[in-house]
């Protein structure tokens, strides 16, 4: 894991940063920043997308209990429409890092785009498999966003957000075709959908 390399160089306050929800047609994009203790070890910690929801929920609680500091933040669907999904993701990441109770010395960010954090940063492609901190951030962001989509399902049950979490599935497209967009749909993401359904 990358943490060992940085700690050997004297960096102890290392934060992992990852997002959840860049691809969906509805709901906010989430990001989390996590600083783990040096002795942190959680078997089964890996990319949140590969874990079962039950395992993610269990790890979510363990990470929050054991982290030196963590923060989960978001950018709304309106912000996504205003600035685009990439910039909204960076906004959520910056909010997460700024929300940490302890200032990190260095950040490891999943992906190949630098979000412009206020700390030295390294972007790591496939970071959730190479860094425990990024994997932990991935789980926090994913679980938090899934919970929000469950709440949105209660507000807008006709869209079945509990089934697809806002992602572009056949069921989701059918619901949009039947009911039109909800207030939590990303208008900028629906342009292609409407282009394909116009007469």
C-alpha atoms as a PDB file:
ATOM      1  CA  UNK A   1       0.000   0.000   0.000  1.00  0.00           C
ATOM      2  CA  UNK A   2       1.185   3.523  -0.818  1.00  0.00           C
ATOM      3  CA  UNK A   3       0.819   4.699   2.792  1.00  0.00           C
ATOM      4  CA  UNK A   4       3.924   2.751   3.831  1.00  0.00           C
ATOM      5  CA  UNK A   5       6.043   4.573   1.248  1.00  0.00           C
ATOM      6  CA  UNK A   6       4.944   8.019   2.477  1.00  0.00           C
ATOM      7  CA  UNK A   7       5.196   7.195   6.170  1.00  0.00           C
ATOM      8  CA  UNK A   8       8.754   5.973   5.608  1.00  0.00           C
ATOM      9  CA  UNK A   9       9.441   9.469   4.264  1.00  0.00           C
ATOM     10  CA  UNK A  10       8.060  11.112   7.401  1.00  0.00           C
ATOM     11  CA  UNK A  11       4.522  11.907   6.227  1.00  0.00           C
ATOM     12  CA  UNK A  12       2.121  10.644   8.887  1.00  0.00           C
ATOM     13  CA  UNK A  13      -1.001  12.711   8.169  1.00  0.00           C
ATOM     14  CA  UNK A  14      -1.858  11.302   4.771  1.00  0.00           C
ATOM     15  CA  UNK A  15      -5.406  11.583   3.476  1.00  0.00           C
ATOM     16  CA  UNK A  16      -7.104   9.509   0.815  1.00  0.00           C
ATOM     17  CA  UNK A  17      -9.745  11.157  -1.375  1.00  0.00           C
ATOM     18  CA  UNK A  18     -12.329   9.516  -3.637  1.00  0.00           C
ATOM     19  CA  UNK A  19     -15.755  10.219  -5.111  1.00  0.00           C
ATOM     20  CA  UNK A  20     -19.019   8.405  -5.705  1.00  0.00           C
ATOM     21  CA  UNK A  21     -21.758   9.260  -8.148  1.00  0.00           C
ATOM     22  CA  UNK A  22     -20.131  10.853 -11.171  1.00  0.00           C
ATOM     23  CA  UNK A  23     -22.139   8.771 -13.639  1.00  0.00           C
ATOM     24  CA  UNK A  24     -25.747   8.889 -12.383  1.00  0.00           C
ATOM     25  CA  UNK A  25     -28.523  10.901 -14.013  1.00  0.00           C
ATOM     26  CA  UNK A  26     -29.884  12.030 -10.640  1.00  0.00           C
ATOM     27  CA  UNK A  27     -28.740  13.089  -7.200  1.00  0.00           C
ATOM     28  CA  UNK A  28     -25.580  14.722  -5.879  1.00  0.00           C
ATOM     29  CA  UNK A  29     -21.968  13.662  -6.381  1.00  0.00           C
ATOM     30  CA  UNK A  30     -20.199  12.728  -3.154  1.00  0.00           C
ATOM     31  CA  UNK A  31     -16.567  12.771  -2.059  1.00  0.00           C
ATOM     32  CA  UNK A  32     -14.820  11.678   1.111  1.00  0.00           C
ATOM     33  CA  UNK A  33     -11.423  12.432   2.622  1.00  0.00           C
ATOM     34  CA  UNK A  34      -9.981  10.041   5.212  1.00  0.00           C
ATOM     35  CA  UNK A  35      -6.832  10.091   7.356  1.00  0.00           C
ATOM     36  CA  UNK A  36      -6.161   6.601   8.722  1.00  0.00           C
ATOM     37  CA  UNK A  37      -3.916   5.757  11.697  1.00  0.00           C
ATOM     38  CA  UNK A  38      -0.556   4.143  10.881  1.00  0.00           C
ATOM     39  CA  UNK A  39      -1.581   0.827  12.464  1.00  0.00           C
ATOM     40  CA  UNK A  40      -4.881   0.686  10.573  1.00  0.00           C
ATOM     41  CA  UNK A  41      -5.624  -2.722   9.102  1.00  0.00           C
ATOM     42  CA  UNK A  42      -8.983  -3.839   7.792  1.00  0.00           C
ATOM     43  CA  UNK A  43      -9.062  -7.135   5.895  1.00  0.00           C
ATOM     44  CA  UNK A  44     -11.360  -6.872   2.902  1.00  0.00           C
ATOM     45  CA  UNK A  45     -10.827  -3.152   2.412  1.00  0.00           C
ATOM     46  CA  UNK A  46     -10.944  -2.666  -1.347  1.00  0.00           C
ATOM     47  CA  UNK A  47     -12.733  -0.656  -4.013  1.00  0.00           C
ATOM     48  CA  UNK A  48     -16.252  -0.037  -2.696  1.00  0.00           C
ATOM     49  CA  UNK A  49     -17.794  -0.961  -6.052  1.00  0.00           C
ATOM     50  CA  UNK A  50     -16.602  -4.577  -5.643  1.00  0.00           C
ATOM     51  CA  UNK A  51     -18.064  -5.020  -2.150  1.00  0.00           C
ATOM     52  CA  UNK A  52     -21.576  -6.123  -1.240  1.00  0.00           C
ATOM     53  CA  UNK A  53     -23.776  -3.390   0.280  1.00  0.00           C
ATOM     54  CA  UNK A  54     -23.755  -5.232   3.635  1.00  0.00           C
ATOM     55  CA  UNK A  55     -19.932  -5.411   3.696  1.00  0.00           C
ATOM     56  CA  UNK A  56     -19.671  -1.739   2.704  1.00  0.00           C
ATOM     57  CA  UNK A  57     -22.000  -0.736   5.550  1.00  0.00           C
ATOM     58  CA  UNK A  58     -19.896  -2.697   8.047  1.00  0.00           C
ATOM     59  CA  UNK A  59     -16.640  -1.170   6.802  1.00  0.00           C
ATOM     60  CA  UNK A  60     -18.250   2.298   6.766  1.00  0.00           C
ATOM     61  CA  UNK A  61     -18.819   2.120  10.527  1.00  0.00           C
ATOM     62  CA  UNK A  62     -15.353   0.674  11.235  1.00  0.00           C
ATOM     63  CA  UNK A  63     -13.600   3.343   9.150  1.00  0.00           C
ATOM     64  CA  UNK A  64     -15.485   6.155  10.890  1.00  0.00           C
ATOM     65  CA  UNK A  65     -14.673   4.656  14.300  1.00  0.00           C
ATOM     66  CA  UNK A  66     -10.959   4.223  13.622  1.00  0.00           C
ATOM     67  CA  UNK A  67     -10.030   7.155  11.348  1.00  0.00           C
ATOM     68  CA  UNK A  68      -7.839   9.954  12.701  1.00  0.00           C
ATOM     69  CA  UNK A  69     -10.187  12.263  10.790  1.00  0.00           C
ATOM     70  CA  UNK A  70     -12.737  11.965   7.998  1.00  0.00           C
ATOM     71  CA  UNK A  71     -15.159  14.209   6.164  1.00  0.00           C
ATOM     72  CA  UNK A  72     -17.858  13.382   3.622  1.00  0.00           C
ATOM     73  CA  UNK A  73     -19.052  16.185   1.344  1.00  0.00           C
ATOM     74  CA  UNK A  74     -21.149  16.641  -1.779  1.00  0.00           C
ATOM     75  CA  UNK A  75     -22.019  18.881  -4.694  1.00  0.00           C
ATOM     76  CA  UNK A  76     -25.691  19.111  -5.616  1.00  0.00           C
ATOM     77  CA  UNK A  77     -27.307  18.229  -8.921  1.00  0.00           C
ATOM     78  CA  UNK A  78     -27.814  21.974  -9.485  1.00  0.00           C
ATOM     79  CA  UNK A  79     -24.090  22.609  -8.991  1.00  0.00           C
ATOM     80  CA  UNK A  80     -23.361  19.751 -11.406  1.00  0.00           C
ATOM     81  CA  UNK A  81     -25.587  21.433 -14.005  1.00  0.00           C
ATOM     82  CA  UNK A  82     -23.951  24.825 -13.412  1.00  0.00           C
ATOM     83  CA  UNK A  83     -20.256  23.889 -13.512  1.00  0.00           C
ATOM     84  CA  UNK A  84     -20.197  20.351 -15.092  1.00  0.00           C
ATOM     85  CA  UNK A  85     -19.651  17.009 -13.380  1.00  0.00           C
ATOM     86  CA  UNK A  86     -15.837  17.171 -13.285  1.00  0.00           C
ATOM     87  CA  UNK A  87     -15.742  20.581 -11.598  1.00  0.00           C
ATOM     88  CA  UNK A  88     -18.562  19.574  -9.229  1.00  0.00           C
ATOM     89  CA  UNK A  89     -16.565  16.470  -8.258  1.00  0.00           C
ATOM     90  CA  UNK A  90     -13.532  18.665  -7.544  1.00  0.00           C
ATOM     91  CA  UNK A  91     -15.788  20.949  -5.492  1.00  0.00           C
ATOM     92  CA  UNK A  92     -16.975  18.005  -3.372  1.00  0.00           C
ATOM     93  CA  UNK A  93     -13.381  16.775  -2.928  1.00  0.00           C
ATOM     94  CA  UNK A  94     -12.201  20.211  -1.808  1.00  0.00           C
ATOM     95  CA  UNK A  95     -15.100  20.468   0.639  1.00  0.00           C
ATOM     96  CA  UNK A  96     -14.216  17.046   2.071  1.00  0.00           C
ATOM     97  CA  UNK A  97     -10.530  17.897   2.582  1.00  0.00           C
ATOM     98  CA  UNK A  98     -11.329  21.332   4.041  1.00  0.00           C
ATOM     99  CA  UNK A  99     -13.785  19.663   6.413  1.00  0.00           C
ATOM    100  CA  UNK A 100     -11.159  17.417   8.031  1.00  0.00           C
ATOM    101  CA  UNK A 101     -10.566  18.230  11.708  1.00  0.00           C
ATOM    102  CA  UNK A 102      -6.837  17.599  11.174  1.00  0.00           C
ATOM    103  CA  UNK A 103      -4.947  19.213   8.290  1.00  0.00           C
ATOM    104  CA  UNK A 104      -3.248  16.539   6.167  1.00  0.00           C
ATOM    105  CA  UNK A 105       0.365  16.846   5.053  1.00  0.00           C
ATOM    106  CA  UNK A 106      -0.364  15.106   1.759  1.00  0.00           C
ATOM    107  CA  UNK A 107      -3.353  13.822  -0.237  1.00  0.00           C
ATOM    108  CA  UNK A 108      -3.701  10.724  -2.403  1.00  0.00           C
ATOM    109  CA  UNK A 109      -6.564  11.217  -4.876  1.00  0.00           C
ATOM    110  CA  UNK A 110      -8.137   8.443  -6.921  1.00  0.00           C
ATOM    111  CA  UNK A 111      -7.973   9.052 -10.673  1.00  0.00           C
ATOM    112  CA  UNK A 112      -5.778  11.047 -13.041  1.00  0.00           C
ATOM    113  CA  UNK A 113      -7.165  14.577 -12.551  1.00  0.00           C
ATOM    114  CA  UNK A 114      -5.821  16.950  -9.893  1.00  0.00           C
ATOM    115  CA  UNK A 115      -8.763  18.540  -8.034  1.00  0.00           C
ATOM    116  CA  UNK A 116      -6.692  21.551  -6.903  1.00  0.00           C
ATOM    117  CA  UNK A 117      -6.626  20.772  -3.189  1.00  0.00           C
ATOM    118  CA  UNK A 118      -4.952  23.084  -0.706  1.00  0.00           C
ATOM    119  CA  UNK A 119      -2.385  20.372   0.159  1.00  0.00           C
ATOM    120  CA  UNK A 120       0.316  18.593  -1.876  1.00  0.00           C
ATOM    121  CA  UNK A 121      -1.422  15.940  -3.965  1.00  0.00           C
ATOM    122  CA  UNK A 122      -0.684  12.791  -5.935  1.00  0.00           C
ATOM    123  CA  UNK A 123      -3.271  11.392  -8.330  1.00  0.00           C
ATOM    124  CA  UNK A 124      -3.385   7.592  -8.379  1.00  0.00           C
ATOM    125  CA  UNK A 125      -5.160   5.711 -11.169  1.00  0.00           C
ATOM    126  CA  UNK A 126      -6.905   2.699  -9.631  1.00  0.00           C
ATOM    127  CA  UNK A 127      -6.044   4.179  -6.257  1.00  0.00           C
ATOM    128  CA  UNK A 128      -8.643   2.217  -4.305  1.00  0.00           C
ATOM    129  CA  UNK A 129      -6.570  -0.940  -4.932  1.00  0.00           C
ATOM    130  CA  UNK A 130      -3.238   0.742  -4.089  1.00  0.00           C
ATOM    131  CA  UNK A 131      -4.066   2.890  -1.060  1.00  0.00           C
ATOM    132  CA  UNK A 132      -6.014   1.960   2.080  1.00  0.00           C
ATOM    133  CA  UNK A 133      -6.871   5.649   2.582  1.00  0.00           C
ATOM    134  CA  UNK A 134      -8.384   5.968  -0.902  1.00  0.00           C
ATOM    135  CA  UNK A 135     -10.264   2.663  -0.464  1.00  0.00           C
ATOM    136  CA  UNK A 136     -11.670   3.953   2.840  1.00  0.00           C
ATOM    137  CA  UNK A 137     -12.708   7.247   1.215  1.00  0.00           C
ATOM    138  CA  UNK A 138     -14.364   5.313  -1.615  1.00  0.00           C
ATOM    139  CA  UNK A 139     -16.468   3.340   0.878  1.00  0.00           C
ATOM    140  CA  UNK A 140     -17.534   6.404   2.899  1.00  0.00           C
ATOM    141  CA  UNK A 141     -18.550   8.325  -0.234  1.00  0.00           C
ATOM    142  CA  UNK A 142     -20.417   5.376  -1.772  1.00  0.00           C
ATOM    143  CA  UNK A 143     -22.365   4.430   1.369  1.00  0.00           C
ATOM    144  CA  UNK A 144     -23.284   8.043   2.112  1.00  0.00           C
ATOM    145  CA  UNK A 145     -24.530   8.622  -1.432  1.00  0.00           C
ATOM    146  CA  UNK A 146     -26.501   5.364  -1.497  1.00  0.00           C
ATOM    147  CA  UNK A 147     -28.232   6.403   1.745  1.00  0.00           C
ATOM    148  CA  UNK A 148     -29.166   9.757   0.227  1.00  0.00           C
ATOM    149  CA  UNK A 149     -30.604   8.019  -2.840  1.00  0.00           C
ATOM    150  CA  UNK A 150     -32.687   5.769  -0.548  1.00  0.00           C
ATOM    151  CA  UNK A 151     -34.069   8.936   1.086  1.00  0.00           C
ATOM    152  CA  UNK A 152     -34.789  10.440  -2.334  1.00  0.00           C
ATOM    153  CA  UNK A 153     -36.668   7.244  -3.203  1.00  0.00           C
ATOM    154  CA  UNK A 154     -39.043   7.981  -0.316  1.00  0.00           C
ATOM    155  CA  UNK A 155     -39.639  11.471  -1.754  1.00  0.00           C
ATOM    156  CA  UNK A 156     -39.931  10.317  -5.379  1.00  0.00           C
ATOM    157  CA  UNK A 157     -40.910   6.607  -5.272  1.00  0.00           C
ATOM    158  CA  UNK A 158     -42.025   6.598  -8.918  1.00  0.00           C
ATOM    159  CA  UNK A 159     -38.373   6.718 -10.090  1.00  0.00           C
ATOM    160  CA  UNK A 160     -37.198   3.600  -8.162  1.00  0.00           C
ATOM    161  CA  UNK A 161     -34.027   5.330  -6.917  1.00  0.00           C
ATOM    162  CA  UNK A 162     -33.701   2.508  -4.365  1.00  0.00           C
ATOM    163  CA  UNK A 163     -33.067   0.075  -7.230  1.00  0.00           C
ATOM    164  CA  UNK A 164     -30.573   1.957  -9.428  1.00  0.00           C
ATOM    165  CA  UNK A 165     -29.327   4.812  -7.171  1.00  0.00           C
ATOM    166  CA  UNK A 166     -29.766   7.252 -10.063  1.00  0.00           C
ATOM    167  CA  UNK A 167     -27.518   5.397 -12.520  1.00  0.00           C
ATOM    168  CA  UNK A 168     -28.548   5.200 -16.200  1.00  0.00           C
ATOM    169  CA  UNK A 169     -30.257   1.797 -16.235  1.00  0.00           C
ATOM    170  CA  UNK A 170     -33.055   0.606 -18.519  1.00  0.00           C
ATOM    171  CA  UNK A 171     -35.482   0.868 -15.580  1.00  0.00           C
ATOM    172  CA  UNK A 172     -34.390   4.425 -14.813  1.00  0.00           C
ATOM    173  CA  UNK A 173     -34.833   5.539 -18.435  1.00  0.00           C
ATOM    174  CA  UNK A 174     -38.296   3.948 -18.468  1.00  0.00           C
ATOM    175  CA  UNK A 175     -39.259   5.895 -15.338  1.00  0.00           C
ATOM    176  CA  UNK A 176     -38.025   9.196 -16.802  1.00  0.00           C
ATOM    177  CA  UNK A 177     -39.963   8.490 -20.016  1.00  0.00           C
ATOM    178  CA  UNK A 178     -43.105   7.794 -17.976  1.00  0.00           C
ATOM    179  CA  UNK A 179     -42.903  10.607 -15.412  1.00  0.00           C
ATOM    180  CA  UNK A 180     -40.482  13.190 -16.810  1.00  0.00           C
ATOM    181  CA  UNK A 181     -37.524  14.404 -14.744  1.00  0.00           C
ATOM    182  CA  UNK A 182     -37.734  15.027 -10.994  1.00  0.00           C
ATOM    183  CA  UNK A 183     -36.238  18.076  -9.241  1.00  0.00           C
ATOM    184  CA  UNK A 184     -33.188  15.945  -8.354  1.00  0.00           C
ATOM    185  CA  UNK A 185     -32.358  14.902 -11.907  1.00  0.00           C
ATOM    186  CA  UNK A 186     -29.264  16.424 -13.510  1.00  0.00           C
ATOM    187  CA  UNK A 187     -30.655  18.406 -16.424  1.00  0.00           C
ATOM    188  CA  UNK A 188     -27.256  18.503 -18.142  1.00  0.00           C
ATOM    189  CA  UNK A 189     -27.181  14.672 -18.126  1.00  0.00           C
ATOM    190  CA  UNK A 190     -30.671  14.345 -19.611  1.00  0.00           C
ATOM    191  CA  UNK A 191     -29.987  16.350 -22.777  1.00  0.00           C
ATOM    192  CA  UNK A 192     -28.895  13.232 -24.703  1.00  0.00           C
ATOM    193  CA  UNK A 193     -31.915  11.322 -23.415  1.00  0.00           C
ATOM    194  CA  UNK A 194     -34.306  14.011 -24.638  1.00  0.00           C
ATOM    195  CA  UNK A 195     -32.433  14.367 -27.932  1.00  0.00           C
ATOM    196  CA  UNK A 196     -33.073  10.667 -28.545  1.00  0.00           C
ATOM    197  CA  UNK A 197     -36.759  10.961 -27.614  1.00  0.00           C
ATOM    198  CA  UNK A 198     -37.684  14.131 -29.506  1.00  0.00           C
ATOM    199  CA  UNK A 199     -39.914  14.071 -32.576  1.00  0.00           C
END
